[in-house]
Amino acid sequence: MDDKQAAMARLQARIDAINKRMVIDSNDLDYETHLRQKRQLQQILDRMKEKISNK
């Protein structure tokens, strides 16, 4: 697995962890923070996937 794929796998794992945490914190103020983090990580992951598919 090359560096980009490893980074993408780590990003996806982090997104999955945030999704699990959002369920736990659904009534907590941290929910918005988790949601913002998830969106940022998803944007990064989507851009990386797009660059790979355009090659």
PDB file of N, CA and C in Angstrom:
ATOM      1  N   MET A   1       0.856  -1.169   0.000  1.00  0.00           N
ATOM      2  CA  MET A   1       0.000   0.000   0.000  1.00  0.00           C
ATOM      3  C   MET A   1       0.906   1.236   0.000  1.00  0.00           C
ATOM      4  N   ASP A   2       0.671   2.161  -0.921  1.00  0.00           N
ATOM      5  CA  ASP A   2       1.514   3.339  -0.962  1.00  0.00           C
ATOM      6  C   ASP A   2       1.065   4.372   0.077  1.00  0.00           C
ATOM      7  N   ASP A   3       1.811   5.443   0.178  1.00  0.00           N
ATOM      8  CA  ASP A   3       1.566   6.448   1.212  1.00  0.00           C
ATOM      9  C   ASP A   3       0.182   7.084   1.091  1.00  0.00           C
ATOM     10  N   LYS A   4      -0.242   7.367  -0.146  1.00  0.00           N
ATOM     11  CA  LYS A   4      -1.550   8.004  -0.331  1.00  0.00           C
ATOM     12  C   LYS A   4      -2.682   7.078   0.098  1.00  0.00           C
ATOM     13  N   GLN A   5      -2.582   5.834  -0.260  1.00  0.00           N
ATOM     14  CA  GLN A   5      -3.626   4.885   0.124  1.00  0.00           C
ATOM     15  C   GLN A   5      -3.657   4.682   1.631  1.00  0.00           C
ATOM     16  N   ALA A   6      -2.487   4.676   2.250  1.00  0.00           N
ATOM     17  CA  ALA A   6      -2.414   4.534   3.702  1.00  0.00           C
ATOM     18  C   ALA A   6      -3.029   5.758   4.383  1.00  0.00           C
ATOM     19  N   ALA A   7      -2.742   6.922   3.845  1.00  0.00           N
ATOM     20  CA  ALA A   7      -3.324   8.151   4.397  1.00  0.00           C
ATOM     21  C   ALA A   7      -4.838   8.153   4.233  1.00  0.00           C
ATOM     22  N   MET A   8      -5.297   7.706   3.087  1.00  0.00           N
ATOM     23  CA  MET A   8      -6.741   7.637   2.843  1.00  0.00           C
ATOM     24  C   MET A   8      -7.405   6.644   3.794  1.00  0.00           C
ATOM     25  N   ALA A   9      -6.752   5.544   4.057  1.00  0.00           N
ATOM     26  CA  ALA A   9      -7.293   4.551   4.991  1.00  0.00           C
ATOM     27  C   ALA A   9      -7.368   5.131   6.401  1.00  0.00           C
ATOM     28  N   ARG A  10      -6.345   5.892   6.785  1.00  0.00           N
ATOM     29  CA  ARG A  10      -6.364   6.526   8.111  1.00  0.00           C
ATOM     30  C   ARG A  10      -7.474   7.567   8.206  1.00  0.00           C
ATOM     31  N   LEU A  11      -7.649   8.346   7.141  1.00  0.00           N
ATOM     32  CA  LEU A  11      -8.731   9.335   7.129  1.00  0.00           C
ATOM     33  C   LEU A  11     -10.092   8.657   7.266  1.00  0.00           C
ATOM     34  N   GLN A  12     -10.282   7.588   6.514  1.00  0.00           N
ATOM     35  CA  GLN A  12     -11.564   6.876   6.574  1.00  0.00           C
ATOM     36  C   GLN A  12     -11.793   6.288   7.962  1.00  0.00           C
ATOM     37  N   ALA A  13     -10.747   5.770   8.575  1.00  0.00           N
ATOM     38  CA  ALA A  13     -10.868   5.217   9.929  1.00  0.00           C
ATOM     39  C   ALA A  13     -11.246   6.315  10.915  1.00  0.00           C
ATOM     40  N   ARG A  14     -10.670   7.487  10.744  1.00  0.00           N
ATOM     41  CA  ARG A  14     -10.987   8.616  11.633  1.00  0.00           C
ATOM     42  C   ARG A  14     -12.437   9.068  11.436  1.00  0.00           C
ATOM     43  N   ILE A  15     -12.894   9.107  10.189  1.00  0.00           N
ATOM     44  CA  ILE A  15     -14.284   9.470   9.898  1.00  0.00           C
ATOM     45  C   ILE A  15     -15.228   8.465  10.545  1.00  0.00           C
ATOM     46  N   ASP A  16     -14.903   7.193  10.427  1.00  0.00           N
ATOM     47  CA  ASP A  16     -15.732   6.148  11.045  1.00  0.00           C
ATOM     48  C   ASP A  16     -15.778   6.296  12.556  1.00  0.00           C
ATOM     49  N   ALA A  17     -14.630   6.620  13.160  1.00  0.00           N
ATOM     50  CA  ALA A  17     -14.579   6.812  14.613  1.00  0.00           C
ATOM     51  C   ALA A  17     -15.423   8.014  15.031  1.00  0.00           C
ATOM     52  N   ILE A  18     -15.380   9.070  14.242  1.00  0.00           N
ATOM     53  CA  ILE A  18     -16.189  10.253  14.546  1.00  0.00           C
ATOM     54  C   ILE A  18     -17.669   9.914  14.436  1.00  0.00           C
ATOM     55  N   ASN A  19     -18.036   9.121  13.426  1.00  0.00           N
ATOM     56  CA  ASN A  19     -19.445   8.721  13.285  1.00  0.00           C
ATOM     57  C   ASN A  19     -19.928   7.988  14.528  1.00  0.00           C
ATOM     58  N   LYS A  20     -19.111   7.087  15.039  1.00  0.00           N
ATOM     59  CA  LYS A  20     -19.479   6.354  16.252  1.00  0.00           C
ATOM     60  C   LYS A  20     -19.596   7.303  17.440  1.00  0.00           C
ATOM     61  N   ARG A  21     -18.675   8.236  17.523  1.00  0.00           N
ATOM     62  CA  ARG A  21     -18.679   9.188  18.637  1.00  0.00           C
ATOM     63  C   ARG A  21     -19.896  10.115  18.562  1.00  0.00           C
ATOM     64  N   MET A  22     -20.324  10.462  17.356  1.00  0.00           N
ATOM     65  CA  MET A  22     -21.479  11.344  17.192  1.00  0.00           C
ATOM     66  C   MET A  22     -22.739  10.703  17.752  1.00  0.00           C
ATOM     67  N   VAL A  23     -22.854   9.400  17.653  1.00  0.00           N
ATOM     68  CA  VAL A  23     -24.016   8.700  18.207  1.00  0.00           C
ATOM     69  C   VAL A  23     -24.014   8.815  19.730  1.00  0.00           C
ATOM     70  N   ILE A  24     -22.840   8.674  20.313  1.00  0.00           N
ATOM     71  CA  ILE A  24     -22.713   8.760  21.769  1.00  0.00           C
ATOM     72  C   ILE A  24     -22.972  10.186  22.246  1.00  0.00           C
ATOM     73  N   ASP A  25     -22.467  11.171  21.517  1.00  0.00           N
ATOM     74  CA  ASP A  25     -22.573  12.569  21.911  1.00  0.00           C
ATOM     75  C   ASP A  25     -23.757  13.282  21.267  1.00  0.00           C
ATOM     76  N   SER A  26     -24.753  12.549  20.859  1.00  0.00           N
ATOM     77  CA  SER A  26     -25.849  13.147  20.105  1.00  0.00           C
ATOM     78  C   SER A  26     -26.562  14.258  20.863  1.00  0.00           C
ATOM     79  N   ASN A  27     -26.542  14.228  22.178  1.00  0.00           N
ATOM     80  CA  ASN A  27     -27.189  15.275  22.963  1.00  0.00           C
ATOM     81  C   ASN A  27     -26.177  16.201  23.627  1.00  0.00           C
ATOM     82  N   ASP A  28     -24.974  16.180  23.174  1.00  0.00           N
ATOM     83  CA  ASP A  28     -23.889  16.920  23.783  1.00  0.00           C
ATOM     84  C   ASP A  28     -23.456  18.066  22.879  1.00  0.00           C
ATOM     85  N   LEU A  29     -22.838  19.072  23.461  1.00  0.00           N
ATOM     86  CA  LEU A  29     -22.347  20.197  22.662  1.00  0.00           C
ATOM     87  C   LEU A  29     -21.208  19.788  21.737  1.00  0.00           C
ATOM     88  N   ASP A  30     -20.535  18.683  22.052  1.00  0.00           N
ATOM     89  CA  ASP A  30     -19.438  18.216  21.205  1.00  0.00           C
ATOM     90  C   ASP A  30     -19.916  17.706  19.847  1.00  0.00           C
ATOM     91  N   TYR A  31     -21.192  17.436  19.718  1.00  0.00           N
ATOM     92  CA  TYR A  31     -21.740  16.910  18.471  1.00  0.00           C
ATOM     93  C   TYR A  31     -21.383  17.823  17.298  1.00  0.00           C
ATOM     94  N   GLU A  32     -21.558  19.129  17.468  1.00  0.00           N
ATOM     95  CA  GLU A  32     -21.258  20.079  16.384  1.00  0.00           C
ATOM     96  C   GLU A  32     -19.777  20.067  16.032  1.00  0.00           C
ATOM     97  N   THR A  33     -18.939  19.922  17.033  1.00  0.00           N
ATOM     98  CA  THR A  33     -17.501  19.844  16.786  1.00  0.00           C
ATOM     99  C   THR A  33     -17.173  18.587  15.996  1.00  0.00           C
ATOM    100  N   HIS A  34     -17.760  17.470  16.393  1.00  0.00           N
ATOM    101  CA  HIS A  34     -17.540  16.213  15.671  1.00  0.00           C
ATOM    102  C   HIS A  34     -18.028  16.326  14.229  1.00  0.00           C
ATOM    103  N   LEU A  35     -19.183  16.945  14.052  1.00  0.00           N
ATOM    104  CA  LEU A  35     -19.741  17.093  12.709  1.00  0.00           C
ATOM    105  C   LEU A  35     -18.832  17.934  11.832  1.00  0.00           C
ATOM    106  N   ARG A  36     -18.309  19.012  12.380  1.00  0.00           N
ATOM    107  CA  ARG A  36     -17.401  19.882  11.630  1.00  0.00           C
ATOM    108  C   ARG A  36     -16.130  19.130  11.255  1.00  0.00           C
ATOM    109  N   GLN A  37     -15.562  18.384  12.206  1.00  0.00           N
ATOM    110  CA  GLN A  37     -14.368  17.583  11.932  1.00  0.00           C
ATOM    111  C   GLN A  37     -14.635  16.556  10.851  1.00  0.00           C
ATOM    112  N   LYS A  38     -15.764  15.887  10.946  1.00  0.00           N
ATOM    113  CA  LYS A  38     -16.120  14.860   9.968  1.00  0.00           C
ATOM    114  C   LYS A  38     -16.216  15.458   8.576  1.00  0.00           C
ATOM    115  N   ARG A  39     -16.849  16.598   8.461  1.00  0.00           N
ATOM    116  CA  ARG A  39     -16.990  17.248   7.150  1.00  0.00           C
ATOM    117  C   ARG A  39     -15.640  17.634   6.572  1.00  0.00           C
ATOM    118  N   GLN A  40     -14.757  18.161   7.404  1.00  0.00           N
ATOM    119  CA  GLN A  40     -13.430  18.545   6.928  1.00  0.00           C
ATOM    120  C   GLN A  40     -12.644  17.331   6.458  1.00  0.00           C
ATOM    121  N   LEU A  41     -12.661  16.263   7.246  1.00  0.00           N
ATOM    122  CA  LEU A  41     -11.939  15.049   6.861  1.00  0.00           C
ATOM    123  C   LEU A  41     -12.523  14.432   5.597  1.00  0.00           C
ATOM    124  N   GLN A  42     -13.840  14.469   5.471  1.00  0.00           N
ATOM    125  CA  GLN A  42     -14.481  13.909   4.288  1.00  0.00           C
ATOM    126  C   GLN A  42     -14.104  14.700   3.040  1.00  0.00           C
ATOM    127  N   GLN A  43     -14.016  16.022   3.166  1.00  0.00           N
ATOM    128  CA  GLN A  43     -13.596  16.840   2.027  1.00  0.00           C
ATOM    129  C   GLN A  43     -12.175  16.490   1.597  1.00  0.00           C
ATOM    130  N   ILE A  44     -11.294  16.320   2.550  1.00  0.00           N
ATOM    131  CA  ILE A  44      -9.903  15.956   2.243  1.00  0.00           C
ATOM    132  C   ILE A  44      -9.865  14.601   1.551  1.00  0.00           C
ATOM    133  N   LEU A  45     -10.600  13.638   2.096  1.00  0.00           N
ATOM    134  CA  LEU A  45     -10.627  12.297   1.518  1.00  0.00           C
ATOM    135  C   LEU A  45     -11.201  12.321   0.106  1.00  0.00           C
ATOM    136  N   ASP A  46     -12.266  13.068  -0.103  1.00  0.00           N
ATOM    137  CA  ASP A  46     -12.873  13.167  -1.429  1.00  0.00           C
ATOM    138  C   ASP A  46     -11.912  13.778  -2.444  1.00  0.00           C
ATOM    139  N   ARG A  47     -11.165  14.813  -2.027  1.00  0.00           N
ATOM    140  CA  ARG A  47     -10.192  15.427  -2.937  1.00  0.00           C
ATOM    141  C   ARG A  47      -9.071  14.457  -3.290  1.00  0.00           C
ATOM    142  N   MET A  48      -8.622  13.680  -2.302  1.00  0.00           N
ATOM    143  CA  MET A  48      -7.573  12.699  -2.573  1.00  0.00           C
ATOM    144  C   MET A  48      -8.071  11.629  -3.550  1.00  0.00           C
ATOM    145  N   LYS A  49      -9.284  11.153  -3.346  1.00  0.00           N
ATOM    146  CA  LYS A  49      -9.857  10.145  -4.245  1.00  0.00           C
ATOM    147  C   LYS A  49     -10.014  10.715  -5.654  1.00  0.00           C
ATOM    148  N   GLU A  50     -10.424  11.980  -5.738  1.00  0.00           N
ATOM    149  CA  GLU A  50     -10.606  12.606  -7.055  1.00  0.00           C
ATOM    150  C   GLU A  50      -9.277  12.725  -7.784  1.00  0.00           C
ATOM    151  N   LYS A  51      -8.224  13.100  -7.086  1.00  0.00           N
ATOM    152  CA  LYS A  51      -6.907  13.212  -7.712  1.00  0.00           C
ATOM    153  C   LYS A  51      -6.422  11.860  -8.225  1.00  0.00           C
ATOM    154  N   ILE A  52      -6.673  10.807  -7.451  1.00  0.00           N
ATOM    155  CA  ILE A  52      -6.254   9.468  -7.858  1.00  0.00           C
ATOM    156  C   ILE A  52      -7.035   9.012  -9.093  1.00  0.00           C
ATOM    157  N   SER A  53      -8.329   9.301  -9.116  1.00  0.00           N
ATOM    158  CA  SER A  53      -9.149   8.853 -10.248  1.00  0.00           C
ATOM    159  C   SER A  53      -8.872   9.643 -11.511  1.00  0.00           C
ATOM    160  N   ASN A  54      -8.333  10.854 -11.388  1.00  0.00           N
ATOM    161  CA  ASN A  54      -8.027  11.694 -12.549  1.00  0.00           C
ATOM    162  C   ASN A  54      -6.695  11.336 -13.187  1.00  0.00           C
ATOM    163  N   LYS A  55      -5.903  10.507 -12.541  1.00  0.00           N
ATOM    164  CA  LYS A  55      -4.591  10.133 -13.104  1.00  0.00           C
ATOM    165  C   LYS A  55      -4.719   9.128 -14.196  1.00  0.00           C
TER     166      LYS A  55
END
